[in-house]
Amino acid sequence: MIEMFVTGIALDVRNNHPLVILNDSSKKRALPIWIGQAEAQAIARALEDFKPERPLTHDLIINLLKATGYKIKHIEINELNENTYFSTVVLENAIGELRPLDARPSDAIALSLRAECPIYISEKVFDDGTIPTELEEEDEDTEAFKNFVQNVKASDFKKASDEE
């Protein structure tokens, strides 16, 4: 499992849908996940450390877990199937027993931010779902060619007829 961090919320300009962006610790790979408006608001509030006067849905869930002796240990985004991500909220009780619960990634991420617990993704999801955050470094041949083109002068070339 690879730990990821919420970078922020963005808007897909093609379809006006929000997405949450997760980055790895090196910030070289990003995992965009399209989410609903309500979940985007919940994640944005958590990122801004907004404290409502009354508990909102994700706060209520965390309060219910605490009242029953559980806490959220971490979340896992563990599958990508037909462009849909699947995740698990891993609960832990006072004696260290773990209990996994199926959840939508958007809810799991919102809960993880409120509970201040880690977000992990499987290596397969990392390999299949993440994208580079910057252009990949160019190989040596490409760099050498660019250097050649930038420094070449017309006098470096002879006409074929000059050589005969």
C-alpha atoms as a PDB file:
ATOM      1  CA  MET A   1       0.000   0.000   0.000  1.00  0.00           C
ATOM      2  CA  ILE A   2       1.154   3.504  -0.844  1.00  0.00           C
ATOM      3  CA  GLU A   3       0.249   6.461   1.349  1.00  0.00           C
ATOM      4  CA  MET A   4      -1.454   9.322  -0.446  1.00  0.00           C
ATOM      5  CA  PHE A   5      -2.342  12.850   0.619  1.00  0.00           C
ATOM      6  CA  VAL A   6      -5.268  15.053  -0.372  1.00  0.00           C
ATOM      7  CA  THR A   7      -3.930  17.939  -2.430  1.00  0.00           C
ATOM      8  CA  GLY A   8      -7.267  19.606  -3.068  1.00  0.00           C
ATOM      9  CA  ILE A   9     -10.526  19.756  -4.937  1.00  0.00           C
ATOM     10  CA  ALA A  10     -10.665  20.654  -8.625  1.00  0.00           C
ATOM     11  CA  LEU A  11     -13.407  21.086 -11.187  1.00  0.00           C
ATOM     12  CA  ASP A  12     -13.422  19.116 -14.429  1.00  0.00           C
ATOM     13  CA  VAL A  13     -14.165  21.890 -16.915  1.00  0.00           C
ATOM     14  CA  ARG A  14     -15.405  19.416 -19.518  1.00  0.00           C
ATOM     15  CA  ASN A  15     -18.399  18.304 -17.466  1.00  0.00           C
ATOM     16  CA  ASN A  16     -18.471  20.581 -14.389  1.00  0.00           C
ATOM     17  CA  HIS A  17     -17.924  17.652 -12.006  1.00  0.00           C
ATOM     18  CA  PRO A  18     -15.685  18.067  -8.965  1.00  0.00           C
ATOM     19  CA  LEU A  19     -12.776  15.774  -8.358  1.00  0.00           C
ATOM     20  CA  VAL A  20     -10.482  15.182  -5.420  1.00  0.00           C
ATOM     21  CA  ILE A  21      -6.764  15.015  -6.140  1.00  0.00           C
ATOM     22  CA  LEU A  22      -4.516  12.708  -4.134  1.00  0.00           C
ATOM     23  CA  ASN A  23      -0.721  12.862  -4.390  1.00  0.00           C
ATOM     24  CA  ASP A  24       1.995  10.482  -3.288  1.00  0.00           C
ATOM     25  CA  SER A  25       4.655  11.744  -0.876  1.00  0.00           C
ATOM     26  CA  SER A  26       7.019  12.675  -3.729  1.00  0.00           C
ATOM     27  CA  LYS A  27       4.242  14.678  -5.419  1.00  0.00           C
ATOM     28  CA  LYS A  28       5.295  13.102  -8.720  1.00  0.00           C
ATOM     29  CA  ARG A  29       2.084  11.104  -9.199  1.00  0.00           C
ATOM     30  CA  ALA A  30      -1.538  12.186  -8.721  1.00  0.00           C
ATOM     31  CA  LEU A  31      -4.746  10.203  -8.449  1.00  0.00           C
ATOM     32  CA  PRO A  32      -7.814  12.172  -9.619  1.00  0.00           C
ATOM     33  CA  ILE A  33     -11.153  10.786  -8.430  1.00  0.00           C
ATOM     34  CA  TRP A  34     -14.428  12.258  -9.699  1.00  0.00           C
ATOM     35  CA  ILE A  35     -16.850  12.856  -6.827  1.00  0.00           C
ATOM     36  CA  GLY A  36     -20.236  14.406  -6.116  1.00  0.00           C
ATOM     37  CA  GLN A  37     -20.918  18.004  -5.095  1.00  0.00           C
ATOM     38  CA  ALA A  38     -21.835  17.144  -1.484  1.00  0.00           C
ATOM     39  CA  GLU A  39     -18.690  15.064  -0.995  1.00  0.00           C
ATOM     40  CA  ALA A  40     -16.567  17.819  -2.564  1.00  0.00           C
ATOM     41  CA  GLN A  41     -18.016  20.287  -0.056  1.00  0.00           C
ATOM     42  CA  ALA A  42     -17.351  17.900   2.846  1.00  0.00           C
ATOM     43  CA  ILE A  43     -13.741  17.379   1.739  1.00  0.00           C
ATOM     44  CA  ALA A  44     -13.208  21.115   1.163  1.00  0.00           C
ATOM     45  CA  ARG A  45     -14.575  21.902   4.638  1.00  0.00           C
ATOM     46  CA  ALA A  46     -12.221  19.370   6.196  1.00  0.00           C
ATOM     47  CA  LEU A  47      -9.245  20.745   4.244  1.00  0.00           C
ATOM     48  CA  GLU A  48     -10.115  24.236   5.487  1.00  0.00           C
ATOM     49  CA  ASP A  49     -10.447  22.866   9.048  1.00  0.00           C
ATOM     50  CA  PHE A  50     -14.011  24.192   9.170  1.00  0.00           C
ATOM     51  CA  LYS A  51     -15.690  23.431  12.516  1.00  0.00           C
ATOM     52  CA  PRO A  52     -19.495  23.555  12.216  1.00  0.00           C
ATOM     53  CA  GLU A  53     -21.670  24.482  15.189  1.00  0.00           C
ATOM     54  CA  ARG A  54     -23.566  21.219  14.764  1.00  0.00           C
ATOM     55  CA  PRO A  55     -22.074  17.950  13.492  1.00  0.00           C
ATOM     56  CA  LEU A  56     -22.339  17.351   9.777  1.00  0.00           C
ATOM     57  CA  THR A  57     -22.738  13.842   8.336  1.00  0.00           C
ATOM     58  CA  HIS A  58     -19.080  12.779   8.459  1.00  0.00           C
ATOM     59  CA  ASP A  59     -18.653  14.304  11.930  1.00  0.00           C
ATOM     60  CA  LEU A  60     -21.699  12.355  13.095  1.00  0.00           C
ATOM     61  CA  ILE A  61     -20.252   9.103  11.745  1.00  0.00           C
ATOM     62  CA  ILE A  62     -16.984   9.680  13.611  1.00  0.00           C
ATOM     63  CA  ASN A  63     -18.902  10.535  16.797  1.00  0.00           C
ATOM     64  CA  LEU A  64     -20.967   7.340  16.453  1.00  0.00           C
ATOM     65  CA  LEU A  65     -17.815   5.279  16.004  1.00  0.00           C
ATOM     66  CA  LYS A  66     -16.226   6.827  19.099  1.00  0.00           C
ATOM     67  CA  ALA A  67     -19.391   6.191  21.117  1.00  0.00           C
ATOM     68  CA  THR A  68     -19.225   2.504  20.185  1.00  0.00           C
ATOM     69  CA  GLY A  69     -15.508   2.161  20.967  1.00  0.00           C
ATOM     70  CA  TYR A  70     -14.119   2.357  17.430  1.00  0.00           C
ATOM     71  CA  LYS A  71     -11.882   4.762  15.580  1.00  0.00           C
ATOM     72  CA  ILE A  72     -10.903   4.991  11.940  1.00  0.00           C
ATOM     73  CA  LYS A  73      -7.406   3.532  11.642  1.00  0.00           C
ATOM     74  CA  HIS A  74      -6.955   4.277   7.926  1.00  0.00           C
ATOM     75  CA  ILE A  75      -8.689   4.064   4.585  1.00  0.00           C
ATOM     76  CA  GLU A  76      -7.692   2.034   1.556  1.00  0.00           C
ATOM     77  CA  ILE A  77      -8.523   2.708  -2.064  1.00  0.00           C
ATOM     78  CA  ASN A  78      -7.972  -0.817  -3.208  1.00  0.00           C
ATOM     79  CA  GLU A  79      -9.630  -1.402  -6.553  1.00  0.00           C
ATOM     80  CA  LEU A  80     -10.305   0.241  -9.896  1.00  0.00           C
ATOM     81  CA  ASN A  81     -12.955  -1.517 -11.964  1.00  0.00           C
ATOM     82  CA  GLU A  82     -14.499  -0.017 -15.119  1.00  0.00           C
ATOM     83  CA  ASN A  83     -13.481   3.536 -14.122  1.00  0.00           C
ATOM     84  CA  THR A  84     -14.957   3.132 -10.629  1.00  0.00           C
ATOM     85  CA  TYR A  85     -12.778   3.175  -7.529  1.00  0.00           C
ATOM     86  CA  PHE A  86     -13.577   1.024  -4.516  1.00  0.00           C
ATOM     87  CA  SER A  87     -12.414   1.703  -0.997  1.00  0.00           C
ATOM     88  CA  THR A  88     -12.465   0.382   2.532  1.00  0.00           C
ATOM     89  CA  VAL A  89     -12.630   2.232   5.829  1.00  0.00           C
ATOM     90  CA  VAL A  90     -10.615   0.232   8.354  1.00  0.00           C
ATOM     91  CA  LEU A  91     -11.956   0.561  11.891  1.00  0.00           C
ATOM     92  CA  GLU A  92     -10.071  -0.353  15.052  1.00  0.00           C
ATOM     93  CA  ASN A  93     -11.506  -1.017  18.502  1.00  0.00           C
ATOM     94  CA  ALA A  94      -9.874  -0.538  21.916  1.00  0.00           C
ATOM     95  CA  ILE A  95      -8.218  -3.977  21.861  1.00  0.00           C
ATOM     96  CA  GLY A  96      -6.780  -3.529  18.379  1.00  0.00           C
ATOM     97  CA  GLU A  97      -9.261  -5.605  16.396  1.00  0.00           C
ATOM     98  CA  LEU A  98      -9.694  -4.353  12.847  1.00  0.00           C
ATOM     99  CA  ARG A  99     -12.975  -4.242  10.982  1.00  0.00           C
ATOM    100  CA  PRO A 100     -13.081  -3.261   7.292  1.00  0.00           C
ATOM    101  CA  LEU A 101     -16.145  -1.481   5.921  1.00  0.00           C
ATOM    102  CA  ASP A 102     -16.913  -0.962   2.233  1.00  0.00           C
ATOM    103  CA  ALA A 103     -17.263   2.733   1.344  1.00  0.00           C
ATOM    104  CA  ARG A 104     -17.252   5.065  -1.613  1.00  0.00           C
ATOM    105  CA  PRO A 105     -13.817   6.676  -1.938  1.00  0.00           C
ATOM    106  CA  SER A 106     -15.290  10.178  -1.617  1.00  0.00           C
ATOM    107  CA  ASP A 107     -16.899   9.341   1.746  1.00  0.00           C
ATOM    108  CA  ALA A 108     -13.817   7.445   2.901  1.00  0.00           C
ATOM    109  CA  ILE A 109     -11.589  10.425   2.054  1.00  0.00           C
ATOM    110  CA  ALA A 110     -13.920  12.869   3.831  1.00  0.00           C
ATOM    111  CA  LEU A 111     -13.890  10.598   6.899  1.00  0.00           C
ATOM    112  CA  SER A 112     -10.109  10.247   6.821  1.00  0.00           C
ATOM    113  CA  LEU A 113      -9.666  14.020   6.817  1.00  0.00           C
ATOM    114  CA  ARG A 114     -12.037  14.449   9.764  1.00  0.00           C
ATOM    115  CA  ALA A 115     -10.434  11.540  11.652  1.00  0.00           C
ATOM    116  CA  GLU A 116      -6.915  12.653  10.673  1.00  0.00           C
ATOM    117  CA  CYS A 117      -5.950   9.158   9.559  1.00  0.00           C
ATOM    118  CA  PRO A 118      -3.854   7.959   6.604  1.00  0.00           C
ATOM    119  CA  ILE A 119      -5.098   7.243   3.099  1.00  0.00           C
ATOM    120  CA  TYR A 120      -3.529   4.282   1.316  1.00  0.00           C
ATOM    121  CA  ILE A 121      -3.945   2.997  -2.214  1.00  0.00           C
ATOM    122  CA  SER A 122      -2.989  -0.404  -3.541  1.00  0.00           C
ATOM    123  CA  GLU A 123       0.005  -0.665  -5.833  1.00  0.00           C
ATOM    124  CA  LYS A 124      -2.302  -1.772  -8.648  1.00  0.00           C
ATOM    125  CA  VAL A 125      -4.487   1.339  -8.241  1.00  0.00           C
ATOM    126  CA  PHE A 126      -1.308   3.428  -8.094  1.00  0.00           C
ATOM    127  CA  ASP A 127      -0.015   1.869 -11.322  1.00  0.00           C
ATOM    128  CA  ASP A 128      -3.357   1.963 -13.161  1.00  0.00           C
ATOM    129  CA  GLY A 129      -4.932   5.160 -11.842  1.00  0.00           C
ATOM    130  CA  THR A 130      -2.253   7.737 -11.146  1.00  0.00           C
ATOM    131  CA  ILE A 131      -0.913  10.219 -13.635  1.00  0.00           C
ATOM    132  CA  PRO A 132       2.404  12.105 -13.634  1.00  0.00           C
ATOM    133  CA  THR A 133       2.178  15.575 -12.124  1.00  0.00           C
ATOM    134  CA  GLU A 134       4.943  16.883 -14.385  1.00  0.00           C
ATOM    135  CA  LEU A 135       6.206  15.948 -17.789  1.00  0.00           C
ATOM    136  CA  GLU A 136       8.504  12.976 -17.575  1.00  0.00           C
ATOM    137  CA  GLU A 137      12.187  13.811 -17.791  1.00  0.00           C
ATOM    138  CA  GLU A 138      13.513  13.530 -21.284  1.00  0.00           C
ATOM    139  CA  ASP A 139      15.990  10.819 -22.132  1.00  0.00           C
ATOM    140  CA  GLU A 140      19.619  11.594 -23.019  1.00  0.00           C
ATOM    141  CA  ASP A 141      19.097  11.181 -26.778  1.00  0.00           C
ATOM    142  CA  THR A 142      16.265  13.717 -26.814  1.00  0.00           C
ATOM    143  CA  GLU A 143      18.307  16.155 -24.742  1.00  0.00           C
ATOM    144  CA  ALA A 144      21.353  15.727 -27.011  1.00  0.00           C
ATOM    145  CA  PHE A 145      19.229  16.304 -30.125  1.00  0.00           C
ATOM    146  CA  LYS A 146      17.691  19.477 -28.648  1.00  0.00           C
ATOM    147  CA  ASN A 147      21.164  20.725 -27.777  1.00  0.00           C
ATOM    148  CA  PHE A 148      22.346  20.000 -31.323  1.00  0.00           C
ATOM    149  CA  VAL A 149      19.385  21.820 -32.904  1.00  0.00           C
ATOM    150  CA  GLN A 150      19.852  24.866 -30.665  1.00  0.00           C
ATOM    151  CA  ASN A 151      23.550  25.169 -31.522  1.00  0.00           C
ATOM    152  CA  VAL A 152      23.647  24.149 -35.187  1.00  0.00           C
ATOM    153  CA  LYS A 153      24.716  26.748 -37.769  1.00  0.00           C
ATOM    154  CA  ALA A 154      24.133  26.757 -41.498  1.00  0.00           C
ATOM    155  CA  SER A 155      27.897  26.674 -42.050  1.00  0.00           C
ATOM    156  CA  ASP A 156      28.001  23.276 -40.290  1.00  0.00           C
ATOM    157  CA  PHE A 157      26.407  21.744 -43.390  1.00  0.00           C
ATOM    158  CA  LYS A 158      27.981  21.358 -46.795  1.00  0.00           C
ATOM    159  CA  LYS A 159      26.000  21.034 -49.947  1.00  0.00           C
ATOM    160  CA  ALA A 160      26.222  17.616 -51.496  1.00  0.00           C
ATOM    161  CA  SER A 161      27.620  19.246 -54.643  1.00  0.00           C
ATOM    162  CA  ASP A 162      30.498  20.806 -52.624  1.00  0.00           C
ATOM    163  CA  GLU A 163      31.791  17.385 -51.623  1.00  0.00           C
ATOM    164  CA  GLU A 164      32.069  16.067 -55.198  1.00  0.00           C
END
